[in-house]
């Protein structure tokens, strides 16, 4: 249950959202193109960032570029 403390965890790095053109999900409700987000955790396929809702959400890495 480590994911319950991710919001308070130190930021790993920052990433910039490059697009919100999702094929299956509506990510444009919680991500803004051009905005910078704090990465709290990372896996091979996903980045877990503090999104526009103020919560930590997992998104495919294809939506971001490292700063």
PDB file of N, CA and C in Angstrom:
ATOM      1  N   UNK A   1       0.808  -1.193   0.000  1.00  0.00           N
ATOM      2  CA  UNK A   1       0.000   0.000   0.000  1.00  0.00           C
ATOM      3  C   UNK A   1       0.853   1.261   0.000  1.00  0.00           C
ATOM      4  N   UNK A   2       2.011   1.153  -0.596  1.00  0.00           N
ATOM      5  CA  UNK A   2       2.925   2.291  -0.661  1.00  0.00           C
ATOM      6  C   UNK A   2       2.328   3.454  -1.464  1.00  0.00           C
ATOM      7  N   UNK A   3       1.412   3.170  -2.363  1.00  0.00           N
ATOM      8  CA  UNK A   3       0.827   4.214  -3.199  1.00  0.00           C
ATOM      9  C   UNK A   3       0.043   5.244  -2.392  1.00  0.00           C
ATOM     10  N   UNK A   4      -0.314   4.935  -1.154  1.00  0.00           N
ATOM     11  CA  UNK A   4      -1.034   5.897  -0.321  1.00  0.00           C
ATOM     12  C   UNK A   4      -0.143   7.058   0.119  1.00  0.00           C
ATOM     13  N   UNK A   5       1.154   6.871   0.099  1.00  0.00           N
ATOM     14  CA  UNK A   5       2.066   7.935   0.536  1.00  0.00           C
ATOM     15  C   UNK A   5       2.823   8.582  -0.620  1.00  0.00           C
ATOM     16  N   UNK A   6       2.469   8.265  -1.865  1.00  0.00           N
ATOM     17  CA  UNK A   6       3.179   8.833  -3.012  1.00  0.00           C
ATOM     18  C   UNK A   6       3.069  10.344  -3.085  1.00  0.00           C
ATOM     19  N   UNK A   7       1.932  10.912  -2.725  1.00  0.00           N
ATOM     20  CA  UNK A   7       1.753  12.359  -2.846  1.00  0.00           C
ATOM     21  C   UNK A   7       2.737  13.117  -1.955  1.00  0.00           C
ATOM     22  N   UNK A   8       3.037  12.558  -0.792  1.00  0.00           N
ATOM     23  CA  UNK A   8       3.977  13.194   0.133  1.00  0.00           C
ATOM     24  C   UNK A   8       5.425  12.799  -0.143  1.00  0.00           C
ATOM     25  N   UNK A   9       5.629  11.846  -1.036  1.00  0.00           N
ATOM     26  CA  UNK A   9       6.988  11.376  -1.351  1.00  0.00           C
ATOM     27  C   UNK A   9       7.772  12.465  -2.077  1.00  0.00           C
ATOM     28  N   UNK A  10       9.095  12.422  -1.979  1.00  0.00           N
ATOM     29  CA  UNK A  10       9.897  13.414  -2.713  1.00  0.00           C
ATOM     30  C   UNK A  10       9.729  13.230  -4.220  1.00  0.00           C
ATOM     31  N   UNK A  11       9.813  14.333  -4.931  1.00  0.00           N
ATOM     32  CA  UNK A  11       9.674  14.318  -6.382  1.00  0.00           C
ATOM     33  C   UNK A  11      10.916  13.715  -7.023  1.00  0.00           C
ATOM     34  N   UNK A  12      10.716  12.753  -7.926  1.00  0.00           N
ATOM     35  CA  UNK A  12      11.832  12.108  -8.621  1.00  0.00           C
ATOM     36  C   UNK A  12      12.413  13.056  -9.665  1.00  0.00           C
ATOM     37  N   UNK A  13      11.546  13.594 -10.510  1.00  0.00           N
ATOM     38  CA  UNK A  13      11.932  14.598 -11.507  1.00  0.00           C
ATOM     39  C   UNK A  13      10.666  15.284 -12.014  1.00  0.00           C
ATOM     40  N   UNK A  14      10.827  16.189 -12.932  1.00  0.00           N
ATOM     41  CA  UNK A  14       9.694  16.893 -13.524  1.00  0.00           C
ATOM     42  C   UNK A  14       9.604  16.546 -15.001  1.00  0.00           C
ATOM     43  N   UNK A  15       8.362  16.466 -15.500  1.00  0.00           N
ATOM     44  CA  UNK A  15       8.125  16.178 -16.904  1.00  0.00           C
ATOM     45  C   UNK A  15       7.113  17.182 -17.446  1.00  0.00           C
ATOM     46  N   UNK A  16       7.163  17.365 -18.760  1.00  0.00           N
ATOM     47  CA  UNK A  16       6.244  18.272 -19.434  1.00  0.00           C
ATOM     48  C   UNK A  16       5.290  17.448 -20.287  1.00  0.00           C
ATOM     49  N   UNK A  17       4.014  17.752 -20.209  1.00  0.00           N
ATOM     50  CA  UNK A  17       3.011  17.049 -21.010  1.00  0.00           C
ATOM     51  C   UNK A  17       3.099  17.555 -22.451  1.00  0.00           C
ATOM     52  N   UNK A  18       3.285  16.635 -23.396  1.00  0.00           N
ATOM     53  CA  UNK A  18       3.435  17.031 -24.796  1.00  0.00           C
ATOM     54  C   UNK A  18       2.151  16.859 -25.601  1.00  0.00           C
ATOM     55  N   UNK A  19       1.253  15.975 -25.153  1.00  0.00           N
ATOM     56  CA  UNK A  19      -0.046  15.839 -25.825  1.00  0.00           C
ATOM     57  C   UNK A  19      -1.018  15.092 -24.923  1.00  0.00           C
ATOM     58  N   UNK A  20      -2.299  15.226 -25.225  1.00  0.00           N
ATOM     59  CA  UNK A  20      -3.346  14.535 -24.482  1.00  0.00           C
ATOM     60  C   UNK A  20      -4.253  13.760 -25.432  1.00  0.00           C
ATOM     61  N   UNK A  21      -3.708  13.330 -26.561  1.00  0.00           N
ATOM     62  CA  UNK A  21      -4.466  12.588 -27.571  1.00  0.00           C
ATOM     63  C   UNK A  21      -4.487  11.106 -27.217  1.00  0.00           C
ATOM     64  N   UNK A  22      -5.354  10.744 -26.301  1.00  0.00           N
ATOM     65  CA  UNK A  22      -5.465   9.349 -25.876  1.00  0.00           C
ATOM     66  C   UNK A  22      -6.437   8.605 -26.776  1.00  0.00           C
ATOM     67  N   UNK A  23      -6.127   7.348 -27.055  1.00  0.00           N
ATOM     68  CA  UNK A  23      -6.988   6.532 -27.906  1.00  0.00           C
ATOM     69  C   UNK A  23      -8.168   5.966 -27.135  1.00  0.00           C
ATOM     70  N   UNK A  24      -7.960   5.659 -25.861  1.00  0.00           N
ATOM     71  CA  UNK A  24      -8.978   4.952 -25.107  1.00  0.00           C
ATOM     72  C   UNK A  24      -9.528   5.745 -23.923  1.00  0.00           C
ATOM     73  N   UNK A  25      -8.701   6.554 -23.287  1.00  0.00           N
ATOM     74  CA  UNK A  25      -9.100   7.251 -22.068  1.00  0.00           C
ATOM     75  C   UNK A  25      -9.164   8.747 -22.300  1.00  0.00           C
ATOM     76  N   UNK A  26      -9.842   9.455 -21.416  1.00  0.00           N
ATOM     77  CA  UNK A  26      -9.959  10.909 -21.525  1.00  0.00           C
ATOM     78  C   UNK A  26      -8.963  11.567 -20.573  1.00  0.00           C
ATOM     79  N   UNK A  27      -7.728  11.673 -20.998  1.00  0.00           N
ATOM     80  CA  UNK A  27      -6.701  12.249 -20.137  1.00  0.00           C
ATOM     81  C   UNK A  27      -6.704  13.773 -20.173  1.00  0.00           C
ATOM     82  N   UNK A  28      -7.392  14.363 -21.140  1.00  0.00           N
ATOM     83  CA  UNK A  28      -7.408  15.823 -21.226  1.00  0.00           C
ATOM     84  C   UNK A  28      -8.173  16.464 -20.070  1.00  0.00           C
ATOM     85  N   UNK A  29      -8.865  15.675 -19.277  1.00  0.00           N
ATOM     86  CA  UNK A  29      -9.547  16.208 -18.093  1.00  0.00           C
ATOM     87  C   UNK A  29      -8.596  16.397 -16.917  1.00  0.00           C
ATOM     88  N   UNK A  30      -7.492  15.666 -16.893  1.00  0.00           N
ATOM     89  CA  UNK A  30      -6.563  15.741 -15.762  1.00  0.00           C
ATOM     90  C   UNK A  30      -5.148  16.154 -16.149  1.00  0.00           C
ATOM     91  N   UNK A  31      -4.860  16.244 -17.443  1.00  0.00           N
ATOM     92  CA  UNK A  31      -3.561  16.719 -17.915  1.00  0.00           C
ATOM     93  C   UNK A  31      -3.770  17.893 -18.851  1.00  0.00           C
ATOM     94  N   UNK A  32      -2.836  18.817 -18.830  1.00  0.00           N
ATOM     95  CA  UNK A  32      -2.872  19.979 -19.711  1.00  0.00           C
ATOM     96  C   UNK A  32      -1.610  19.982 -20.555  1.00  0.00           C
ATOM     97  N   UNK A  33      -1.784  20.062 -21.855  1.00  0.00           N
ATOM     98  CA  UNK A  33      -0.642  20.088 -22.767  1.00  0.00           C
ATOM     99  C   UNK A  33       0.215  21.311 -22.487  1.00  0.00           C
ATOM    100  N   UNK A  34       1.521  21.094 -22.337  1.00  0.00           N
ATOM    101  CA  UNK A  34       2.459  22.180 -22.080  1.00  0.00           C
ATOM    102  C   UNK A  34       2.736  22.421 -20.604  1.00  0.00           C
ATOM    103  N   UNK A  35       1.973  21.814 -19.708  1.00  0.00           N
ATOM    104  CA  UNK A  35       2.157  22.013 -18.276  1.00  0.00           C
ATOM    105  C   UNK A  35       3.203  21.040 -17.728  1.00  0.00           C
ATOM    106  N   UNK A  36       3.902  21.449 -16.685  1.00  0.00           N
ATOM    107  CA  UNK A  36       4.917  20.637 -16.037  1.00  0.00           C
ATOM    108  C   UNK A  36       4.311  19.914 -14.836  1.00  0.00           C
ATOM    109  N   UNK A  37       4.676  18.635 -14.673  1.00  0.00           N
ATOM    110  CA  UNK A  37       4.146  17.811 -13.591  1.00  0.00           C
ATOM    111  C   UNK A  37       5.278  17.163 -12.813  1.00  0.00           C
ATOM    112  N   UNK A  38       5.046  16.936 -11.510  1.00  0.00           N
ATOM    113  CA  UNK A  38       6.010  16.283 -10.638  1.00  0.00           C
ATOM    114  C   UNK A  38       5.836  14.776 -10.726  1.00  0.00           C
ATOM    115  N   UNK A  39       6.920  14.055 -10.969  1.00  0.00           N
ATOM    116  CA  UNK A  39       6.885  12.599 -11.029  1.00  0.00           C
ATOM    117  C   UNK A  39       7.138  12.056  -9.624  1.00  0.00           C
ATOM    118  N   UNK A  40       6.206  11.245  -9.137  1.00  0.00           N
ATOM    119  CA  UNK A  40       6.324  10.656  -7.804  1.00  0.00           C
ATOM    120  C   UNK A  40       6.793   9.208  -7.842  1.00  0.00           C
ATOM    121  N   UNK A  41       6.506   8.506  -8.939  1.00  0.00           N
ATOM    122  CA  UNK A  41       6.957   7.133  -9.091  1.00  0.00           C
ATOM    123  C   UNK A  41       6.999   6.821 -10.581  1.00  0.00           C
ATOM    124  N   UNK A  42       7.760   5.804 -10.944  1.00  0.00           N
ATOM    125  CA  UNK A  42       7.929   5.468 -12.353  1.00  0.00           C
ATOM    126  C   UNK A  42       8.060   3.964 -12.507  1.00  0.00           C
ATOM    127  N   UNK A  43       7.429   3.426 -13.546  1.00  0.00           N
ATOM    128  CA  UNK A  43       7.608   2.021 -13.905  1.00  0.00           C
ATOM    129  C   UNK A  43       8.117   1.995 -15.341  1.00  0.00           C
ATOM    130  N   UNK A  44       8.242   0.827 -15.887  1.00  0.00           N
ATOM    131  CA  UNK A  44       8.733   0.688 -17.252  1.00  0.00           C
ATOM    132  C   UNK A  44       7.799   1.351 -18.269  1.00  0.00           C
ATOM    133  N   UNK A  45       6.502   1.317 -18.004  1.00  0.00           N
ATOM    134  CA  UNK A  45       5.515   1.809 -18.960  1.00  0.00           C
ATOM    135  C   UNK A  45       4.793   3.084 -18.519  1.00  0.00           C
ATOM    136  N   UNK A  46       4.736   3.343 -17.201  1.00  0.00           N
ATOM    137  CA  UNK A  46       3.933   4.439 -16.675  1.00  0.00           C
ATOM    138  C   UNK A  46       4.749   5.425 -15.860  1.00  0.00           C
ATOM    139  N   UNK A  47       4.238   6.667 -15.812  1.00  0.00           N
ATOM    140  CA  UNK A  47       4.713   7.681 -14.875  1.00  0.00           C
ATOM    141  C   UNK A  47       3.552   7.998 -13.947  1.00  0.00           C
ATOM    142  N   UNK A  48       3.834   8.116 -12.673  1.00  0.00           N
ATOM    143  CA  UNK A  48       2.819   8.484 -11.698  1.00  0.00           C
ATOM    144  C   UNK A  48       3.095   9.925 -11.294  1.00  0.00           C
ATOM    145  N   UNK A  49       2.199  10.828 -11.698  1.00  0.00           N
ATOM    146  CA  UNK A  49       2.394  12.257 -11.503  1.00  0.00           C
ATOM    147  C   UNK A  49       1.238  12.842 -10.715  1.00  0.00           C
ATOM    148  N   UNK A  50       1.487  14.013 -10.105  1.00  0.00           N
ATOM    149  CA  UNK A  50       0.416  14.759  -9.462  1.00  0.00           C
ATOM    150  C   UNK A  50      -0.288  15.524 -10.574  1.00  0.00           C
ATOM    151  N   UNK A  51      -1.511  15.106 -10.911  1.00  0.00           N
ATOM    152  CA  UNK A  51      -2.233  15.684 -12.049  1.00  0.00           C
ATOM    153  C   UNK A  51      -3.029  16.931 -11.649  1.00  0.00           C
ATOM    154  N   UNK A  52      -3.843  17.441 -12.554  1.00  0.00           N
ATOM    155  CA  UNK A  52      -4.600  18.668 -12.320  1.00  0.00           C
ATOM    156  C   UNK A  52      -5.622  18.546 -11.192  1.00  0.00           C
ATOM    157  N   UNK A  53      -6.035  17.327 -10.856  1.00  0.00           N
ATOM    158  CA  UNK A  53      -6.990  17.129  -9.770  1.00  0.00           C
ATOM    159  C   UNK A  53      -6.313  17.182  -8.401  1.00  0.00           C
ATOM    160  N   UNK A  54      -4.983  17.218  -8.380  1.00  0.00           N
ATOM    161  CA  UNK A  54      -4.243  17.249  -7.129  1.00  0.00           C
ATOM    162  C   UNK A  54      -3.930  15.869  -6.588  1.00  0.00           C
ATOM    163  N   UNK A  55      -4.333  14.831  -7.316  1.00  0.00           N
ATOM    164  CA  UNK A  55      -4.081  13.456  -6.900  1.00  0.00           C
ATOM    165  C   UNK A  55      -2.999  12.844  -7.773  1.00  0.00           C
ATOM    166  N   UNK A  56      -2.415  11.752  -7.303  1.00  0.00           N
ATOM    167  CA  UNK A  56      -1.402  11.050  -8.080  1.00  0.00           C
ATOM    168  C   UNK A  56      -2.113  10.092  -9.032  1.00  0.00           C
ATOM    169  N   UNK A  57      -1.813  10.236 -10.314  1.00  0.00           N
ATOM    170  CA  UNK A  57      -2.396   9.371 -11.333  1.00  0.00           C
ATOM    171  C   UNK A  57      -1.313   8.750 -12.183  1.00  0.00           C
ATOM    172  N   UNK A  58      -1.588   7.566 -12.713  1.00  0.00           N
ATOM    173  CA  UNK A  58      -0.644   6.873 -13.570  1.00  0.00           C
ATOM    174  C   UNK A  58      -0.989   7.075 -15.030  1.00  0.00           C
ATOM    175  N   UNK A  59      -0.004   7.485 -15.827  1.00  0.00           N
ATOM    176  CA  UNK A  59      -0.214   7.768 -17.243  1.00  0.00           C
ATOM    177  C   UNK A  59       0.914   7.150 -18.060  1.00  0.00           C
ATOM    178  N   UNK A  60       0.600   6.778 -19.293  1.00  0.00           N
ATOM    179  CA  UNK A  60       1.639   6.274 -20.187  1.00  0.00           C
ATOM    180  C   UNK A  60       2.725   7.315 -20.371  1.00  0.00           C
ATOM    181  N   UNK A  61       3.952   6.868 -20.527  1.00  0.00           N
ATOM    182  CA  UNK A  61       5.081   7.780 -20.708  1.00  0.00           C
ATOM    183  C   UNK A  61       4.988   8.573 -22.009  1.00  0.00           C
ATOM    184  N   UNK A  62       4.223   8.089 -22.969  1.00  0.00           N
ATOM    185  CA  UNK A  62       4.125   8.763 -24.268  1.00  0.00           C
ATOM    186  C   UNK A  62       3.527  10.157 -24.188  1.00  0.00           C
ATOM    187  N   UNK A  63       2.852  10.486 -23.097  1.00  0.00           N
ATOM    188  CA  UNK A  63       2.249  11.808 -22.944  1.00  0.00           C
ATOM    189  C   UNK A  63       3.255  12.861 -22.465  1.00  0.00           C
ATOM    190  N   UNK A  64       4.452  12.444 -22.084  1.00  0.00           N
ATOM    191  CA  UNK A  64       5.404  13.356 -21.437  1.00  0.00           C
ATOM    192  C   UNK A  64       6.770  13.350 -22.104  1.00  0.00           C
ATOM    193  N   UNK A  65       7.502  14.413 -21.829  1.00  0.00           N
ATOM    194  CA  UNK A  65       8.923  14.478 -22.165  1.00  0.00           C
ATOM    195  C   UNK A  65       9.646  14.999 -20.927  1.00  0.00           C
ATOM    196  N   UNK A  66      10.859  14.505 -20.713  1.00  0.00           N
ATOM    197  CA  UNK A  66      11.643  14.951 -19.553  1.00  0.00           C
ATOM    198  C   UNK A  66      12.158  16.357 -19.783  1.00  0.00           C
ATOM    199  N   UNK A  67      12.245  17.085 -18.706  1.00  0.00           N
ATOM    200  CA  UNK A  67      12.746  18.464 -18.776  1.00  0.00           C
ATOM    201  C   UNK A  67      14.212  18.461 -18.420  1.00  0.00           C
TER     202      UNK A  67
END
